[in-house]
Amino acid sequence: MARIVDMYARRLQIQENLTQQIAEAIMAVTDAKGVGVVMSASHLCMRMRGVEKQNSEMKTSCMLGSFLKCKDTRAEFLQLIRN
């Protein structure tokens, strides 16, 4: 998992695309029935330039397969990562 994230995170891109690329790569490599990825990141552009919000954090998510289709599966996943 860490290598997949590292491979895509090295590229200059927006967080939404990064989250989706990681989810699609995990789905392809593992042949899973579903994948859920939630990414939380601090952006230096938000901390240092413009709005200068020091504690700002962006969260993005991508749900594929059973996580996208089944409401109960998605809810369980989101509940587990909150704790």
C-alpha atoms as a PDB file:
ATOM      1  CA  MET A   1       0.000   0.000   0.000  1.00  0.00           C
ATOM      2  CA  ALA A   2       2.721   2.449   0.962  1.00  0.00           C
ATOM      3  CA  ARG A   3       4.508   1.973  -2.359  1.00  0.00           C
ATOM      4  CA  ILE A   4       1.338   2.599  -4.341  1.00  0.00           C
ATOM      5  CA  VAL A   5       0.682   5.787  -2.394  1.00  0.00           C
ATOM      6  CA  ASP A   6       4.308   6.887  -2.761  1.00  0.00           C
ATOM      7  CA  MET A   7       4.298   6.232  -6.514  1.00  0.00           C
ATOM      8  CA  TYR A   8       1.316   8.517  -7.124  1.00  0.00           C
ATOM      9  CA  ALA A   9       2.053  11.089  -4.399  1.00  0.00           C
ATOM     10  CA  ARG A  10       5.382  12.031  -5.984  1.00  0.00           C
ATOM     11  CA  ARG A  11       3.571  13.515  -8.976  1.00  0.00           C
ATOM     12  CA  LEU A  12       2.383  17.097  -9.004  1.00  0.00           C
ATOM     13  CA  GLN A  13      -1.427  16.852  -9.025  1.00  0.00           C
ATOM     14  CA  ILE A  14      -4.570  17.701  -7.146  1.00  0.00           C
ATOM     15  CA  GLN A  15      -5.595  15.641  -4.128  1.00  0.00           C
ATOM     16  CA  GLU A  16      -8.883  14.448  -5.651  1.00  0.00           C
ATOM     17  CA  ASN A  17      -7.055  12.819  -8.571  1.00  0.00           C
ATOM     18  CA  LEU A  18      -4.448  11.327  -6.236  1.00  0.00           C
ATOM     19  CA  THR A  19      -7.152   9.701  -4.102  1.00  0.00           C
ATOM     20  CA  GLN A  20      -8.853   8.209  -7.153  1.00  0.00           C
ATOM     21  CA  GLN A  21      -5.596   6.922  -8.676  1.00  0.00           C
ATOM     22  CA  ILE A  22      -4.643   5.187  -5.422  1.00  0.00           C
ATOM     23  CA  ALA A  23      -8.083   3.539  -5.144  1.00  0.00           C
ATOM     24  CA  GLU A  24      -8.015   2.350  -8.767  1.00  0.00           C
ATOM     25  CA  ALA A  25      -4.464   0.973  -8.406  1.00  0.00           C
ATOM     26  CA  ILE A  26      -5.347  -0.952  -5.237  1.00  0.00           C
ATOM     27  CA  MET A  27      -8.471  -2.341  -6.925  1.00  0.00           C
ATOM     28  CA  ALA A  28      -6.477  -3.465  -9.978  1.00  0.00           C
ATOM     29  CA  VAL A  29      -3.564  -4.986  -8.037  1.00  0.00           C
ATOM     30  CA  THR A  30      -5.606  -6.823  -5.411  1.00  0.00           C
ATOM     31  CA  ASP A  31      -8.609  -7.747  -7.587  1.00  0.00           C
ATOM     32  CA  ALA A  32     -10.790  -6.739  -4.626  1.00  0.00           C
ATOM     33  CA  LYS A  33     -14.570  -6.526  -4.792  1.00  0.00           C
ATOM     34  CA  GLY A  34     -14.400  -3.001  -3.431  1.00  0.00           C
ATOM     35  CA  VAL A  35     -11.957  -0.341  -2.298  1.00  0.00           C
ATOM     36  CA  GLY A  36     -12.403   2.691  -0.102  1.00  0.00           C
ATOM     37  CA  VAL A  37      -9.717   5.354   0.203  1.00  0.00           C
ATOM     38  CA  VAL A  38      -9.967   8.419   2.430  1.00  0.00           C
ATOM     39  CA  MET A  39      -7.087  10.858   2.282  1.00  0.00           C
ATOM     40  CA  SER A  40      -6.372  13.696   4.672  1.00  0.00           C
ATOM     41  CA  ALA A  41      -3.610  16.154   3.804  1.00  0.00           C
ATOM     42  CA  SER A  42      -2.181  19.506   4.787  1.00  0.00           C
ATOM     43  CA  HIS A  43      -1.324  21.721   1.857  1.00  0.00           C
ATOM     44  CA  LEU A  44       1.583  24.129   2.091  1.00  0.00           C
ATOM     45  CA  CYS A  45      -0.166  26.468  -0.330  1.00  0.00           C
ATOM     46  CA  MET A  46      -2.936  26.862   2.263  1.00  0.00           C
ATOM     47  CA  ARG A  47      -0.498  27.360   5.124  1.00  0.00           C
ATOM     48  CA  MET A  48       2.046  29.648   3.515  1.00  0.00           C
ATOM     49  CA  ARG A  49       0.356  31.562   0.698  1.00  0.00           C
ATOM     50  CA  GLY A  50      -2.894  33.388   0.250  1.00  0.00           C
ATOM     51  CA  VAL A  51      -5.310  32.524   3.045  1.00  0.00           C
ATOM     52  CA  GLU A  52      -2.576  31.398   5.487  1.00  0.00           C
ATOM     53  CA  LYS A  53      -4.745  28.962   7.435  1.00  0.00           C
ATOM     54  CA  GLN A  54      -2.265  27.119   9.655  1.00  0.00           C
ATOM     55  CA  ASN A  55      -4.524  24.283  10.760  1.00  0.00           C
ATOM     56  CA  SER A  56      -6.293  23.677   7.471  1.00  0.00           C
ATOM     57  CA  GLU A  57      -6.699  20.104   6.320  1.00  0.00           C
ATOM     58  CA  MET A  58      -8.335  18.739   3.181  1.00  0.00           C
ATOM     59  CA  LYS A  59     -10.121  15.379   3.105  1.00  0.00           C
ATOM     60  CA  THR A  60     -11.023  13.503  -0.055  1.00  0.00           C
ATOM     61  CA  SER A  61     -12.463  10.054  -0.603  1.00  0.00           C
ATOM     62  CA  CYS A  62     -12.974   7.551  -3.387  1.00  0.00           C
ATOM     63  CA  MET A  63     -15.234   4.517  -3.165  1.00  0.00           C
ATOM     64  CA  LEU A  64     -15.166   1.755  -5.766  1.00  0.00           C
ATOM     65  CA  GLY A  65     -17.012  -1.536  -6.226  1.00  0.00           C
ATOM     66  CA  SER A  66     -18.972  -2.736  -3.213  1.00  0.00           C
ATOM     67  CA  PHE A  67     -18.099   0.411  -1.247  1.00  0.00           C
ATOM     68  CA  LEU A  68     -19.809   2.481  -3.922  1.00  0.00           C
ATOM     69  CA  LYS A  69     -22.769   0.174  -4.532  1.00  0.00           C
ATOM     70  CA  CYS A  70     -23.656  -0.942  -0.999  1.00  0.00           C
ATOM     71  CA  LYS A  71     -24.707   1.785   1.407  1.00  0.00           C
ATOM     72  CA  ASP A  72     -24.222  -0.450   4.480  1.00  0.00           C
ATOM     73  CA  THR A  73     -20.675  -1.434   3.473  1.00  0.00           C
ATOM     74  CA  ARG A  74     -19.746   2.200   2.898  1.00  0.00           C
ATOM     75  CA  ALA A  75     -21.285   3.282   6.216  1.00  0.00           C
ATOM     76  CA  GLU A  76     -19.416   0.553   8.111  1.00  0.00           C
ATOM     77  CA  PHE A  77     -16.116   1.536   6.474  1.00  0.00           C
ATOM     78  CA  LEU A  78     -16.596   5.215   7.286  1.00  0.00           C
ATOM     79  CA  GLN A  79     -17.568   4.400  10.872  1.00  0.00           C
ATOM     80  CA  LEU A  80     -14.450   2.239  11.331  1.00  0.00           C
ATOM     81  CA  ILE A  81     -12.042   4.916  10.108  1.00  0.00           C
ATOM     82  CA  ARG A  82     -13.627   7.562  12.362  1.00  0.00           C
ATOM     83  CA  ASN A  83     -12.578   5.603  15.475  1.00  0.00           C
END
